[in-house]
Amino acid sequence: MRGGDHAELKAFATVVTHGGFAHAAEGLRIPASTLCQTIRQLEARLGLRLLNRTTRSLSLTGAARPRSGDS
């Protein structure tokens, strides 16, 4: 795995864990705009939308949710 891949995955996991971009950005000590761009780059590279975002909520898309039986 390349360093950029790791950074994108860490950013994604942090957003999910913190439940949003603002708190995740604080935890990663980066601007929220940088974090948003990192997630957009990850989604573009994968060709999948991972997060449903509105101004008030954040949720995983079906592509980002674990499937039953996955471990």
PDB file of N, CA and C in Angstrom:
ATOM      1  N   MET A   1       0.844  -1.179   0.000  1.00  0.00           N
ATOM      2  CA  MET A   1       0.000   0.000   0.000  1.00  0.00           C
ATOM      3  C   MET A   1       0.885   1.236   0.000  1.00  0.00           C
ATOM      4  N   ARG A   2       0.565   2.178  -0.863  1.00  0.00           N
ATOM      5  CA  ARG A   2       1.329   3.424  -0.925  1.00  0.00           C
ATOM      6  C   ARG A   2       0.967   4.318   0.253  1.00  0.00           C
ATOM      7  N   GLY A   3       1.867   5.260   0.572  1.00  0.00           N
ATOM      8  CA  GLY A   3       1.636   6.176   1.680  1.00  0.00           C
ATOM      9  C   GLY A   3       0.372   6.989   1.526  1.00  0.00           C
ATOM     10  N   GLY A   4       0.093   7.437   0.301  1.00  0.00           N
ATOM     11  CA  GLY A   4      -1.130   8.204   0.043  1.00  0.00           C
ATOM     12  C   GLY A   4      -2.379   7.378   0.276  1.00  0.00           C
ATOM     13  N   ASP A   5      -2.319   6.097  -0.105  1.00  0.00           N
ATOM     14  CA  ASP A   5      -3.452   5.203   0.130  1.00  0.00           C
ATOM     15  C   ASP A   5      -3.740   5.093   1.620  1.00  0.00           C
ATOM     16  N   HIS A   6      -2.672   4.938   2.389  1.00  0.00           N
ATOM     17  CA  HIS A   6      -2.822   4.818   3.836  1.00  0.00           C
ATOM     18  C   HIS A   6      -3.426   6.095   4.416  1.00  0.00           C
ATOM     19  N   ALA A   7      -2.963   7.235   3.961  1.00  0.00           N
ATOM     20  CA  ALA A   7      -3.475   8.513   4.468  1.00  0.00           C
ATOM     21  C   ALA A   7      -4.960   8.678   4.137  1.00  0.00           C
ATOM     22  N   GLU A   8      -5.359   8.276   2.928  1.00  0.00           N
ATOM     23  CA  GLU A   8      -6.767   8.375   2.536  1.00  0.00           C
ATOM     24  C   GLU A   8      -7.630   7.452   3.381  1.00  0.00           C
ATOM     25  N   LEU A   9      -7.168   6.229   3.593  1.00  0.00           N
ATOM     26  CA  LEU A   9      -7.935   5.285   4.400  1.00  0.00           C
ATOM     27  C   LEU A   9      -8.017   5.728   5.851  1.00  0.00           C
ATOM     28  N   LYS A  10      -6.928   6.266   6.372  1.00  0.00           N
ATOM     29  CA  LYS A  10      -6.943   6.787   7.743  1.00  0.00           C
ATOM     30  C   LYS A  10      -7.925   7.952   7.849  1.00  0.00           C
ATOM     31  N   ALA A  11      -7.927   8.822   6.857  1.00  0.00           N
ATOM     32  CA  ALA A  11      -8.856   9.959   6.855  1.00  0.00           C
ATOM     33  C   ALA A  11     -10.296   9.465   6.842  1.00  0.00           C
ATOM     34  N   PHE A  12     -10.589   8.494   5.980  1.00  0.00           N
ATOM     35  CA  PHE A  12     -11.943   7.941   5.902  1.00  0.00           C
ATOM     36  C   PHE A  12     -12.363   7.325   7.235  1.00  0.00           C
ATOM     37  N   ALA A  13     -11.499   6.498   7.809  1.00  0.00           N
ATOM     38  CA  ALA A  13     -11.814   5.858   9.091  1.00  0.00           C
ATOM     39  C   ALA A  13     -12.031   6.887  10.187  1.00  0.00           C
ATOM     40  N   THR A  14     -11.255   7.955  10.176  1.00  0.00           N
ATOM     41  CA  THR A  14     -11.390   8.994  11.194  1.00  0.00           C
ATOM     42  C   THR A  14     -12.706   9.740  11.046  1.00  0.00           C
ATOM     43  N   VAL A  15     -13.102  10.029   9.820  1.00  0.00           N
ATOM     44  CA  VAL A  15     -14.394  10.695   9.586  1.00  0.00           C
ATOM     45  C   VAL A  15     -15.529   9.818  10.100  1.00  0.00           C
ATOM     46  N   VAL A  16     -15.483   8.533   9.781  1.00  0.00           N
ATOM     47  CA  VAL A  16     -16.536   7.613  10.223  1.00  0.00           C
ATOM     48  C   VAL A  16     -16.542   7.502  11.747  1.00  0.00           C
ATOM     49  N   THR A  17     -15.379   7.352  12.346  1.00  0.00           N
ATOM     50  CA  THR A  17     -15.277   7.217  13.801  1.00  0.00           C
ATOM     51  C   THR A  17     -15.794   8.454  14.526  1.00  0.00           C
ATOM     52  N   HIS A  18     -15.443   9.637  14.016  1.00  0.00           N
ATOM     53  CA  HIS A  18     -15.846  10.883  14.661  1.00  0.00           C
ATOM     54  C   HIS A  18     -17.248  11.333  14.259  1.00  0.00           C
ATOM     55  N   GLY A  19     -17.803  10.711  13.234  1.00  0.00           N
ATOM     56  CA  GLY A  19     -19.162  11.041  12.826  1.00  0.00           C
ATOM     57  C   GLY A  19     -19.293  12.330  12.029  1.00  0.00           C
ATOM     58  N   GLY A  20     -18.187  12.865  11.560  1.00  0.00           N
ATOM     59  CA  GLY A  20     -18.255  14.081  10.762  1.00  0.00           C
ATOM     60  C   GLY A  20     -16.883  14.631  10.444  1.00  0.00           C
ATOM     61  N   PHE A  21     -16.885  15.587   9.530  1.00  0.00           N
ATOM     62  CA  PHE A  21     -15.627  16.145   9.052  1.00  0.00           C
ATOM     63  C   PHE A  21     -14.973  17.100  10.048  1.00  0.00           C
ATOM     64  N   ALA A  22     -15.755  17.931  10.716  1.00  0.00           N
ATOM     65  CA  ALA A  22     -15.171  18.943  11.608  1.00  0.00           C
ATOM     66  C   ALA A  22     -14.383  18.294  12.749  1.00  0.00           C
ATOM     67  N   HIS A  23     -15.001  17.350  13.439  1.00  0.00           N
ATOM     68  CA  HIS A  23     -14.320  16.690  14.557  1.00  0.00           C
ATOM     69  C   HIS A  23     -13.157  15.824  14.071  1.00  0.00           C
ATOM     70  N   ALA A  24     -13.343  15.170  12.932  1.00  0.00           N
ATOM     71  CA  ALA A  24     -12.265  14.353  12.378  1.00  0.00           C
ATOM     72  C   ALA A  24     -11.064  15.221  12.008  1.00  0.00           C
ATOM     73  N   ALA A  25     -11.328  16.367  11.403  1.00  0.00           N
ATOM     74  CA  ALA A  25     -10.237  17.275  11.026  1.00  0.00           C
ATOM     75  C   ALA A  25      -9.480  17.748  12.262  1.00  0.00           C
ATOM     76  N   GLU A  26     -10.213  18.051  13.317  1.00  0.00           N
ATOM     77  CA  GLU A  26      -9.551  18.440  14.570  1.00  0.00           C
ATOM     78  C   GLU A  26      -8.663  17.305  15.073  1.00  0.00           C
ATOM     79  N   GLY A  27      -9.186  16.083  15.038  1.00  0.00           N
ATOM     80  CA  GLY A  27      -8.422  14.930  15.504  1.00  0.00           C
ATOM     81  C   GLY A  27      -7.176  14.672  14.675  1.00  0.00           C
ATOM     82  N   LEU A  28      -7.276  14.940  13.380  1.00  0.00           N
ATOM     83  CA  LEU A  28      -6.133  14.738  12.490  1.00  0.00           C
ATOM     84  C   LEU A  28      -5.223  15.964  12.419  1.00  0.00           C
ATOM     85  N   ARG A  29      -5.699  17.063  13.004  1.00  0.00           N
ATOM     86  CA  ARG A  29      -4.967  18.337  13.002  1.00  0.00           C
ATOM     87  C   ARG A  29      -4.691  18.834  11.583  1.00  0.00           C
ATOM     88  N   ILE A  30      -5.752  18.773  10.762  1.00  0.00           N
ATOM     89  CA  ILE A  30      -5.687  19.322   9.409  1.00  0.00           C
ATOM     90  C   ILE A  30      -6.952  20.139   9.179  1.00  0.00           C
ATOM     91  N   PRO A  31      -6.924  21.061   8.221  1.00  0.00           N
ATOM     92  CA  PRO A  31      -8.142  21.820   7.911  1.00  0.00           C
ATOM     93  C   PRO A  31      -9.246  20.897   7.380  1.00  0.00           C
ATOM     94  N   ALA A  32     -10.483  21.211   7.710  1.00  0.00           N
ATOM     95  CA  ALA A  32     -11.616  20.412   7.238  1.00  0.00           C
ATOM     96  C   ALA A  32     -11.657  20.373   5.714  1.00  0.00           C
ATOM     97  N   SER A  33     -11.282  21.455   5.061  1.00  0.00           N
ATOM     98  CA  SER A  33     -11.292  21.475   3.600  1.00  0.00           C
ATOM     99  C   SER A  33     -10.296  20.475   3.020  1.00  0.00           C
ATOM    100  N   THR A  34      -9.155  20.324   3.663  1.00  0.00           N
ATOM    101  CA  THR A  34      -8.154  19.342   3.226  1.00  0.00           C
ATOM    102  C   THR A  34      -8.692  17.930   3.410  1.00  0.00           C
ATOM    103  N   LEU A  35      -9.366  17.696   4.513  1.00  0.00           N
ATOM    104  CA  LEU A  35      -9.944  16.384   4.781  1.00  0.00           C
ATOM    105  C   LEU A  35     -11.021  16.057   3.750  1.00  0.00           C
ATOM    106  N   CYS A  36     -11.868  17.018   3.440  1.00  0.00           N
ATOM    107  CA  CYS A  36     -12.910  16.804   2.430  1.00  0.00           C
ATOM    108  C   CYS A  36     -12.293  16.457   1.082  1.00  0.00           C
ATOM    109  N   GLN A  37     -11.251  17.157   0.719  1.00  0.00           N
ATOM    110  CA  GLN A  37     -10.572  16.889  -0.550  1.00  0.00           C
ATOM    111  C   GLN A  37      -9.954  15.490  -0.552  1.00  0.00           C
ATOM    112  N   THR A  38      -9.382  15.084   0.559  1.00  0.00           N
ATOM    113  CA  THR A  38      -8.785  13.747   0.666  1.00  0.00           C
ATOM    114  C   THR A  38      -9.849  12.669   0.457  1.00  0.00           C
ATOM    115  N   ILE A  39     -11.013  12.853   1.061  1.00  0.00           N
ATOM    116  CA  ILE A  39     -12.098  11.881   0.909  1.00  0.00           C
ATOM    117  C   ILE A  39     -12.606  11.880  -0.535  1.00  0.00           C
ATOM    118  N   ARG A  40     -12.732  13.048  -1.140  1.00  0.00           N
ATOM    119  CA  ARG A  40     -13.147  13.124  -2.548  1.00  0.00           C
ATOM    120  C   ARG A  40     -12.143  12.398  -3.449  1.00  0.00           C
ATOM    121  N   GLN A  41     -10.856  12.559  -3.174  1.00  0.00           N
ATOM    122  CA  GLN A  41      -9.829  11.873  -3.961  1.00  0.00           C
ATOM    123  C   GLN A  41      -9.946  10.354  -3.808  1.00  0.00           C
ATOM    124  N   LEU A  42     -10.179   9.901  -2.588  1.00  0.00           N
ATOM    125  CA  LEU A  42     -10.346   8.467  -2.346  1.00  0.00           C
ATOM    126  C   LEU A  42     -11.549   7.945  -3.119  1.00  0.00           C
ATOM    127  N   GLU A  43     -12.665   8.649  -3.026  1.00  0.00           N
ATOM    128  CA  GLU A  43     -13.874   8.232  -3.731  1.00  0.00           C
ATOM    129  C   GLU A  43     -13.643   8.206  -5.246  1.00  0.00           C
ATOM    130  N   ALA A  44     -12.944   9.207  -5.764  1.00  0.00           N
ATOM    131  CA  ALA A  44     -12.663   9.264  -7.205  1.00  0.00           C
ATOM    132  C   ALA A  44     -11.764   8.107  -7.630  1.00  0.00           C
ATOM    133  N   ARG A  45     -10.750   7.829  -6.826  1.00  0.00           N
ATOM    134  CA  ARG A  45      -9.827   6.746  -7.152  1.00  0.00           C
ATOM    135  C   ARG A  45     -10.527   5.392  -7.153  1.00  0.00           C
ATOM    136  N   LEU A  46     -11.452   5.204  -6.201  1.00  0.00           N
ATOM    137  CA  LEU A  46     -12.182   3.943  -6.106  1.00  0.00           C
ATOM    138  C   LEU A  46     -13.352   3.869  -7.083  1.00  0.00           C
ATOM    139  N   GLY A  47     -13.786   5.026  -7.560  1.00  0.00           N
ATOM    140  CA  GLY A  47     -14.959   5.063  -8.437  1.00  0.00           C
ATOM    141  C   GLY A  47     -16.244   4.782  -7.685  1.00  0.00           C
ATOM    142  N   LEU A  48     -16.243   5.084  -6.384  1.00  0.00           N
ATOM    143  CA  LEU A  48     -17.392   4.831  -5.509  1.00  0.00           C
ATOM    144  C   LEU A  48     -17.639   6.016  -4.604  1.00  0.00           C
ATOM    145  N   ARG A  49     -18.882   6.285  -4.339  1.00  0.00           N
ATOM    146  CA  ARG A  49     -19.216   7.261  -3.307  1.00  0.00           C
ATOM    147  C   ARG A  49     -19.268   6.493  -1.991  1.00  0.00           C
ATOM    148  N   LEU A  50     -18.499   6.934  -1.003  1.00  0.00           N
ATOM    149  CA  LEU A  50     -18.416   6.233   0.281  1.00  0.00           C
ATOM    150  C   LEU A  50     -19.293   6.852   1.356  1.00  0.00           C
ATOM    151  N   LEU A  51     -19.500   8.158   1.248  1.00  0.00           N
ATOM    152  CA  LEU A  51     -20.249   8.877   2.279  1.00  0.00           C
ATOM    153  C   LEU A  51     -21.374   9.688   1.661  1.00  0.00           C
ATOM    154  N   ASN A  52     -22.548   9.619   2.298  1.00  0.00           N
ATOM    155  CA  ASN A  52     -23.636  10.535   1.984  1.00  0.00           C
ATOM    156  C   ASN A  52     -23.468  11.720   2.913  1.00  0.00           C
ATOM    157  N   ARG A  53     -23.342  12.924   2.346  1.00  0.00           N
ATOM    158  CA  ARG A  53     -23.109  14.101   3.172  1.00  0.00           C
ATOM    159  C   ARG A  53     -24.199  15.133   2.946  1.00  0.00           C
ATOM    160  N   THR A  54     -24.652  15.700   4.037  1.00  0.00           N
ATOM    161  CA  THR A  54     -25.474  16.910   3.996  1.00  0.00           C
ATOM    162  C   THR A  54     -24.843  17.870   4.991  1.00  0.00           C
ATOM    163  N   THR A  55     -25.392  19.065   5.088  1.00  0.00           N
ATOM    164  CA  THR A  55     -24.821  20.019   6.043  1.00  0.00           C
ATOM    165  C   THR A  55     -25.032  19.570   7.482  1.00  0.00           C
ATOM    166  N   ARG A  56     -25.985  18.688   7.702  1.00  0.00           N
ATOM    167  CA  ARG A  56     -26.286  18.273   9.077  1.00  0.00           C
ATOM    168  C   ARG A  56     -26.048  16.796   9.375  1.00  0.00           C
ATOM    169  N   SER A  57     -25.765  16.014   8.367  1.00  0.00           N
ATOM    170  CA  SER A  57     -25.596  14.584   8.646  1.00  0.00           C
ATOM    171  C   SER A  57     -24.564  13.947   7.729  1.00  0.00           C
ATOM    172  N   LEU A  58     -24.135  12.794   8.161  1.00  0.00           N
ATOM    173  CA  LEU A  58     -23.142  12.018   7.432  1.00  0.00           C
ATOM    174  C   LEU A  58     -23.502  10.551   7.634  1.00  0.00           C
ATOM    175  N   SER A  59     -23.527   9.783   6.548  1.00  0.00           N
ATOM    176  CA  SER A  59     -23.794   8.355   6.667  1.00  0.00           C
ATOM    177  C   SER A  59     -23.010   7.609   5.615  1.00  0.00           C
ATOM    178  N   LEU A  60     -22.774   6.348   5.883  1.00  0.00           N
ATOM    179  CA  LEU A  60     -22.072   5.489   4.936  1.00  0.00           C
ATOM    180  C   LEU A  60     -23.019   5.106   3.801  1.00  0.00           C
ATOM    181  N   THR A  61     -22.495   5.047   2.600  1.00  0.00           N
ATOM    182  CA  THR A  61     -23.270   4.513   1.488  1.00  0.00           C
ATOM    183  C   THR A  61     -23.234   2.998   1.571  1.00  0.00           C
ATOM    184  N   GLY A  62     -24.029   2.351   0.761  1.00  0.00           N
ATOM    185  CA  GLY A  62     -24.027   0.891   0.716  1.00  0.00           C
ATOM    186  C   GLY A  62     -22.659   0.333   0.358  1.00  0.00           C
ATOM    187  N   ALA A  63     -21.926   1.049  -0.498  1.00  0.00           N
ATOM    188  CA  ALA A  63     -20.592   0.594  -0.904  1.00  0.00           C
ATOM    189  C   ALA A  63     -19.605   0.592   0.252  1.00  0.00           C
ATOM    190  N   ALA A  64     -19.819   1.439   1.243  1.00  0.00           N
ATOM    191  CA  ALA A  64     -18.883   1.556   2.365  1.00  0.00           C
ATOM    192  C   ALA A  64     -19.272   0.700   3.560  1.00  0.00           C
ATOM    193  N   ARG A  65     -20.502   0.195   3.565  1.00  0.00           N
ATOM    194  CA  ARG A  65     -20.953  -0.619   4.696  1.00  0.00           C
ATOM    195  C   ARG A  65     -20.419  -2.040   4.595  1.00  0.00           C
ATOM    196  N   PRO A  66     -20.041  -2.605   5.732  1.00  0.00           N
ATOM    197  CA  PRO A  66     -19.608  -4.014   5.711  1.00  0.00           C
ATOM    198  C   PRO A  66     -20.785  -4.910   5.307  1.00  0.00           C
ATOM    199  N   ARG A  67     -20.516  -5.925   4.562  1.00  0.00           N
ATOM    200  CA  ARG A  67     -21.550  -6.884   4.174  1.00  0.00           C
ATOM    201  C   ARG A  67     -21.621  -7.967   5.228  1.00  0.00           C
ATOM    202  N   SER A  68     -22.810  -8.539   5.399  1.00  0.00           N
ATOM    203  CA  SER A  68     -22.935  -9.630   6.367  1.00  0.00           C
ATOM    204  C   SER A  68     -22.036 -10.779   5.945  1.00  0.00           C
ATOM    205  N   GLY A  69     -21.384 -11.351   6.897  1.00  0.00           N
ATOM    206  CA  GLY A  69     -20.446 -12.430   6.625  1.00  0.00           C
ATOM    207  C   GLY A  69     -19.016 -11.959   6.453  1.00  0.00           C
ATOM    208  N   ASP A  70     -18.816 -10.631   6.245  1.00  0.00           N
ATOM    209  CA  ASP A  70     -17.456 -10.097   6.165  1.00  0.00           C
ATOM    210  C   ASP A  70     -16.876 -10.020   7.553  1.00  0.00           C
ATOM    211  N   SER A  71     -15.610 -10.327   7.673  1.00  0.00           N
ATOM    212  CA  SER A  71     -14.972 -10.207   8.995  1.00  0.00           C
ATOM    213  C   SER A  71     -13.663  -9.527   8.892  1.00  0.00           C
TER     214      SER A  71
END
